Amino acid sequence: MSRAPTLTIVVVNHNTRSDLNRCIRSLHEAPPSTPHGIVVVDNASSDGSADHIRATWPDVEVIEMARNVGFAAGNNRGIQSTTGDLLLLLNSDTVVPAGAVDLLVDGLRMHPDTAAIGPRIVDGEGRAELSFGAMCTPWTELKQKLVRRLVDRGTGAAVAWVERVTRRPAVVDWVTGACLLVWREDAEAVGLLDDRYFMYYEDVDFCEALRARRRRIRFLPGAQIVHFRGRTAAVTRDATEAAYRRSQLAFYAKHHPRWLPWLGLYLRLSGKYPGKSADTTA
């Protein structure tokens, strides 16, 4: 009889102390039945996040980075410092209800062809997010952004469509890194996350690398978590936009090089071309 897998939950944090504490509390109030450990990678926060977690949740390992290395590199540091067979990448601004992680673990174990799996994600008001999709191209990105804008405006048809598609299990090209469960063996086989992405696109790139090994990505709506999206982004909007654009350029250079000149031209003409990277967001 094979031994049960162990689970490592990696949470990357940068100045989201209250959100982080709420996330860790949810994991303690309804802990996964899978043997697990939690590691918080703190990206040089100035709000006392690391000390607060150590004092409040002494069973949580805290790794303090000397500078803000971003989401991908932060997750990689957490992965490299642990040994769990299963890795759950989890945003600090999430709440994990009872049973959600166990459902993801069971879903992954039921499908030997699958490397990673993601849950249905809803916002603080219970509205579903489009947290998975097809490989990013100019056209799929345009569709995703259009749907998101229509949903944000409360357009009935768009809201109904998102609600419908997020109720169906599916094999997809990517699931969001806000909550992504992956086998360590698969993650290590592709070299973990590409840390050229400070934030944004790293999850799509990671899933594409897993798929390149003929491994599947699944969306499991039976598991659901709450995502209080955009708290940090709202505080540092300009820096977040620049980080997004830098990651977008890096992604297109890697996966769609023929589109890169057109993307660069568009960003320059629209005044959105990012400047030099600065460690101000995560």
Protein backbone atom coordinates (compact mmCIF):
# COMPACT_ATOMS: atom_id res chain seq x y z
CA MET A 1 0.00 0.00 0.00
CA SER A 2 1.47 3.35 -1.05
CA ARG A 3 1.87 6.05 1.58
CA ALA A 4 -0.47 9.01 1.56
CA PRO A 5 0.97 12.13 -0.07
CA THR A 6 1.92 15.11 2.04
CA LEU A 7 0.83 18.60 1.13
CA THR A 8 2.77 21.86 1.26
CA ILE A 9 0.71 25.06 1.13
CA VAL A 10 2.76 28.01 -0.11
CA VAL A 11 1.46 31.54 0.46
CA VAL A 12 3.43 34.49 -0.91
CA ASN A 13 2.83 37.76 0.89
CA HIS A 14 3.71 41.42 0.44
CA ASN A 15 2.09 43.91 2.81
CA THR A 16 -1.25 42.09 3.08
CA ARG A 17 -1.11 41.40 6.82
CA SER A 18 -4.86 41.34 7.53
CA ASP A 19 -5.68 39.34 4.39
CA LEU A 20 -2.84 36.92 5.11
CA ASN A 21 -3.99 36.40 8.68
CA ARG A 22 -7.55 35.70 7.49
CA CYS A 23 -6.23 33.20 4.93
CA ILE A 24 -4.11 31.34 7.50
CA ARG A 25 -7.01 31.37 9.97
CA SER A 26 -9.27 29.70 7.41
CA LEU A 27 -6.70 26.93 6.96
CA HIS A 28 -6.57 26.39 10.71
CA GLU A 29 -10.30 26.55 11.37
CA ALA A 30 -11.00 23.88 8.73
CA PRO A 31 -7.66 22.18 8.07
CA PRO A 32 -7.23 19.76 5.17
CA SER A 33 -7.31 16.11 6.22
CA THR A 34 -4.23 15.50 4.05
CA PRO A 35 -1.06 15.74 6.18
CA HIS A 36 0.16 19.23 5.45
CA GLY A 37 2.36 22.14 6.35
CA ILE A 38 2.04 25.84 5.60
CA VAL A 39 4.88 28.11 4.55
CA VAL A 40 4.56 31.86 4.14
CA VAL A 41 7.13 33.55 1.94
CA ASP A 42 7.20 37.19 2.96
CA ASN A 43 8.45 39.50 0.22
CA ALA A 44 10.08 42.18 2.37
CA SER A 45 6.82 43.47 3.83
CA SER A 46 6.87 46.66 5.86
CA ASP A 47 3.58 46.00 7.70
CA GLY A 48 4.83 43.47 10.24
CA SER A 49 3.32 40.51 8.40
CA ALA A 50 6.13 38.08 9.17
CA ASP A 51 6.31 38.82 12.90
CA HIS A 52 2.52 38.69 13.19
CA ILE A 53 2.28 35.25 11.57
CA ARG A 54 5.08 33.87 13.74
CA ALA A 55 3.38 35.15 16.90
CA THR A 56 -0.17 34.15 15.95
CA TRP A 57 0.41 30.90 14.06
CA PRO A 58 3.63 29.32 15.41
CA ASP A 59 3.14 26.15 13.36
CA VAL A 60 3.47 28.14 10.11
CA GLU A 61 6.96 28.37 8.65
CA VAL A 62 7.88 31.92 7.65
CA ILE A 63 10.58 32.68 5.11
CA GLU A 64 11.58 36.34 4.95
CA MET A 65 13.03 37.60 1.69
CA ALA A 66 15.50 40.48 1.75
CA ARG A 67 13.63 42.15 -1.10
CA ASN A 68 10.39 41.78 -2.99
CA VAL A 69 11.23 39.06 -5.51
CA GLY A 70 7.70 38.75 -6.88
CA PHE A 71 5.11 35.99 -7.03
CA ALA A 72 6.89 33.36 -9.14
CA ALA A 73 10.25 33.58 -7.36
CA GLY A 74 8.51 33.72 -3.98
CA ASN A 75 6.60 30.53 -4.69
CA ASN A 76 9.76 28.87 -5.94
CA ARG A 77 11.52 29.72 -2.69
CA GLY A 78 8.69 28.18 -0.70
CA ILE A 79 8.67 25.06 -2.86
CA GLN A 80 12.43 24.61 -2.61
CA SER A 81 12.39 24.87 1.18
CA THR A 82 9.82 22.07 1.61
CA THR A 83 9.32 18.42 0.73
CA GLY A 84 5.57 17.82 0.25
CA ASP A 85 4.52 15.56 -2.61
CA LEU A 86 1.69 17.97 -3.37
CA LEU A 87 2.06 21.75 -3.65
CA LEU A 88 -0.78 24.19 -3.20
CA LEU A 89 0.00 27.70 -4.43
CA LEU A 90 -2.39 30.01 -2.63
CA ASN A 91 -2.86 33.78 -2.69
CA SER A 92 -2.77 35.61 0.61
CA ASP A 93 -6.10 37.31 -0.18
CA THR A 94 -8.09 34.07 -0.24
CA VAL A 95 -10.29 32.20 2.22
CA VAL A 96 -10.41 28.42 1.99
CA PRO A 97 -13.71 26.83 3.12
CA ALA A 98 -13.86 23.44 4.80
CA GLY A 99 -13.22 20.53 2.45
CA ALA A 100 -12.05 22.58 -0.54
CA VAL A 101 -8.41 21.45 -0.41
CA ASP A 102 -9.36 17.81 0.18
CA LEU A 103 -11.59 17.91 -2.90
CA LEU A 104 -8.70 19.23 -4.97
CA VAL A 105 -6.37 16.54 -3.62
CA ASP A 106 -8.91 13.82 -4.38
CA GLY A 107 -9.53 15.27 -7.84
CA LEU A 108 -5.84 15.24 -8.65
CA ARG A 109 -5.31 11.71 -7.35
CA MET A 110 -8.29 10.43 -9.38
CA HIS A 111 -6.65 11.50 -12.65
CA PRO A 112 -3.13 10.10 -13.12
CA ASP A 113 -2.76 12.05 -16.37
CA THR A 114 -3.19 15.37 -14.56
CA ALA A 115 -0.39 17.55 -13.21
CA ALA A 116 -2.38 20.45 -11.76
CA ILE A 117 -5.92 21.33 -10.74
CA GLY A 118 -7.75 24.47 -9.71
CA PRO A 119 -11.05 25.19 -7.93
CA ARG A 120 -14.00 27.40 -8.68
CA ILE A 121 -13.20 30.86 -7.37
CA VAL A 122 -15.74 33.42 -6.22
CA ASP A 123 -15.26 36.97 -5.01
CA GLY A 124 -16.31 38.35 -1.64
CA GLU A 125 -19.90 38.68 -2.85
CA GLY A 126 -20.10 35.14 -4.19
CA ARG A 127 -19.74 36.03 -7.88
CA ALA A 128 -17.77 33.52 -9.92
CA GLU A 129 -14.45 34.50 -11.47
CA LEU A 130 -13.25 33.23 -14.83
CA SER A 131 -10.23 31.58 -13.25
CA PHE A 132 -9.20 29.25 -16.09
CA GLY A 133 -9.03 29.37 -19.84
CA ALA A 134 -7.37 28.65 -23.15
CA MET A 135 -3.73 29.42 -23.84
CA CYS A 136 -3.16 33.17 -23.95
CA THR A 137 -3.11 34.69 -27.44
CA PRO A 138 -4.18 38.18 -28.50
CA TRP A 139 -7.63 36.81 -29.24
CA THR A 140 -8.18 34.78 -26.07
CA GLU A 141 -6.89 37.67 -23.97
CA LEU A 142 -9.25 40.06 -25.69
CA LYS A 143 -12.19 37.72 -25.03
CA GLN A 144 -11.20 37.23 -21.38
CA LYS A 145 -10.89 40.98 -20.76
CA LEU A 146 -14.17 41.71 -22.52
CA VAL A 147 -16.01 39.13 -20.43
CA ARG A 148 -14.45 40.48 -17.24
CA ARG A 149 -15.49 44.04 -18.05
CA LEU A 150 -19.03 42.97 -18.85
CA VAL A 151 -19.24 41.01 -15.60
CA ASP A 152 -17.85 43.97 -13.64
CA ARG A 153 -20.61 46.12 -15.17
CA GLY A 154 -23.22 43.59 -14.18
CA THR A 155 -24.19 42.65 -17.74
CA GLY A 156 -26.69 39.85 -17.27
CA ALA A 157 -25.70 37.67 -20.21
CA ALA A 158 -22.00 37.76 -19.29
CA VAL A 159 -22.68 37.05 -15.62
CA ALA A 160 -24.91 34.11 -16.54
CA TRP A 161 -22.32 32.72 -18.97
CA VAL A 162 -19.52 32.85 -16.38
CA GLU A 163 -21.80 31.26 -13.79
CA ARG A 164 -22.64 28.48 -16.23
CA VAL A 165 -19.11 27.65 -17.44
CA THR A 166 -17.69 27.71 -13.91
CA ARG A 167 -20.13 25.00 -12.84
CA ARG A 168 -18.72 22.42 -15.26
CA PRO A 169 -15.59 20.32 -14.69
CA ALA A 170 -13.18 20.75 -17.58
CA VAL A 171 -9.75 19.99 -18.96
CA VAL A 172 -8.28 23.43 -19.62
CA ASP A 173 -5.03 25.06 -20.72
CA TRP A 174 -4.45 26.92 -17.44
CA VAL A 175 -5.88 27.60 -14.01
CA THR A 176 -5.07 30.65 -11.95
CA GLY A 177 -2.15 30.66 -9.55
CA ALA A 178 -4.43 32.19 -6.91
CA CYS A 179 -5.17 28.56 -5.96
CA LEU A 180 -3.34 25.87 -7.90
CA LEU A 181 -2.60 22.33 -6.71
CA VAL A 182 0.24 20.53 -8.48
CA TRP A 183 2.35 17.44 -7.99
CA ARG A 184 5.87 18.37 -6.89
CA GLU A 185 7.29 15.86 -9.35
CA ASP A 186 5.64 17.70 -12.24
CA ALA A 187 6.55 21.14 -10.92
CA GLU A 188 10.20 20.18 -10.56
CA ALA A 189 10.24 18.50 -13.98
CA VAL A 190 9.50 21.88 -15.63
CA GLY A 191 11.90 23.84 -13.44
CA LEU A 192 9.19 25.36 -11.19
CA LEU A 193 7.73 28.75 -12.09
CA ASP A 194 9.60 31.06 -14.45
CA ASP A 195 10.80 33.82 -12.15
CA ARG A 196 11.15 36.28 -15.03
CA TYR A 197 7.49 37.00 -14.33
CA PHE A 198 7.35 39.31 -11.32
CA MET A 199 3.57 39.00 -11.23
CA TYR A 200 0.94 37.98 -13.82
CA TYR A 201 1.26 35.34 -16.57
CA GLU A 202 3.44 33.06 -14.45
CA ASP A 203 0.52 30.68 -13.90
CA VAL A 204 -0.36 30.46 -17.60
CA ASP A 205 3.30 29.92 -18.48
CA PHE A 206 3.65 27.27 -15.76
CA CYS A 207 0.59 25.37 -16.95
CA GLU A 208 1.83 25.54 -20.53
CA ALA A 209 5.12 23.97 -19.44
CA LEU A 210 3.21 21.17 -17.70
CA ARG A 211 1.07 20.60 -20.78
CA ALA A 212 4.18 20.44 -22.94
CA ARG A 213 5.03 17.25 -21.03
CA ARG A 214 1.65 15.83 -22.10
CA ARG A 215 0.21 16.38 -18.65
CA ARG A 216 -3.30 17.73 -18.18
CA ILE A 217 -4.66 20.72 -16.29
CA ARG A 218 -8.13 20.41 -14.76
CA PHE A 219 -10.75 22.77 -13.41
CA LEU A 220 -12.80 21.33 -10.54
CA PRO A 221 -15.88 23.42 -9.68
CA GLY A 222 -16.88 21.14 -6.80
CA ALA A 223 -14.07 22.74 -4.82
CA GLN A 224 -14.58 26.45 -4.20
CA ILE A 225 -12.55 29.20 -2.53
CA VAL A 226 -13.13 32.90 -1.97
CA HIS A 227 -10.74 35.42 -3.52
CA PHE A 228 -10.75 39.03 -2.33
CA ARG A 229 -9.01 40.16 -5.51
CA GLY A 230 -7.09 43.35 -6.02
CA ARG A 231 -6.46 44.68 -2.51
CA THR A 232 -2.72 45.21 -3.09
CA ALA A 233 -3.22 46.25 -6.71
CA ALA A 234 -5.58 49.00 -5.65
CA VAL A 235 -2.91 50.51 -3.41
CA THR A 236 -0.12 50.37 -5.99
CA ARG A 237 -2.09 50.60 -9.23
CA ASP A 238 0.59 52.19 -11.42
CA ALA A 239 3.28 49.77 -10.29
CA THR A 240 0.90 46.85 -10.76
CA GLU A 241 0.05 47.95 -14.30
CA ALA A 242 3.76 48.22 -15.14
CA ALA A 243 4.44 44.76 -13.70
CA TYR A 244 1.56 43.35 -15.74
CA ARG A 245 2.89 44.86 -18.94
CA ARG A 246 6.44 43.64 -18.30
CA SER A 247 5.12 40.11 -17.77
CA GLN A 248 2.96 40.40 -20.88
CA LEU A 249 5.99 41.34 -22.97
CA ALA A 250 8.02 38.49 -21.48
CA PHE A 251 5.20 36.02 -22.14
CA TYR A 252 4.80 37.04 -25.78
CA ALA A 253 8.56 36.99 -26.32
CA LYS A 254 8.60 33.40 -25.06
CA HIS A 255 5.40 32.00 -26.57
CA HIS A 256 4.30 34.31 -29.40
CA PRO A 257 7.42 36.10 -30.70
CA ARG A 258 5.76 37.08 -33.98
CA TRP A 259 3.23 39.12 -32.03
CA LEU A 260 5.83 40.84 -29.86
CA PRO A 261 6.59 43.80 -32.19
CA TRP A 262 2.87 44.55 -32.51
CA LEU A 263 2.37 44.35 -28.77
CA GLY A 264 5.32 46.67 -28.19
CA LEU A 265 4.00 49.14 -30.77
CA TYR A 266 0.55 49.13 -29.18
CA LEU A 267 1.97 49.73 -25.70
CA ARG A 268 4.15 52.59 -26.90
CA LEU A 269 1.36 54.29 -28.85
CA SER A 270 -1.02 53.95 -25.90
CA GLY A 271 1.55 55.18 -23.38
CA LYS A 272 1.50 51.84 -21.54
CA TYR A 273 5.01 50.62 -22.28
CA PRO A 274 6.53 49.74 -18.89
CA GLY A 275 9.65 51.31 -17.51
CA LYS A 276 12.44 49.57 -15.65
CA SER A 277 11.33 47.00 -13.11
CA ALA A 278 11.07 48.09 -9.49
CA ASP A 279 10.44 45.88 -6.46
CA THR A 280 7.26 47.60 -5.34
CA THR A 281 4.47 45.12 -5.91
CA ALA A 282 3.61 41.47 -5.40
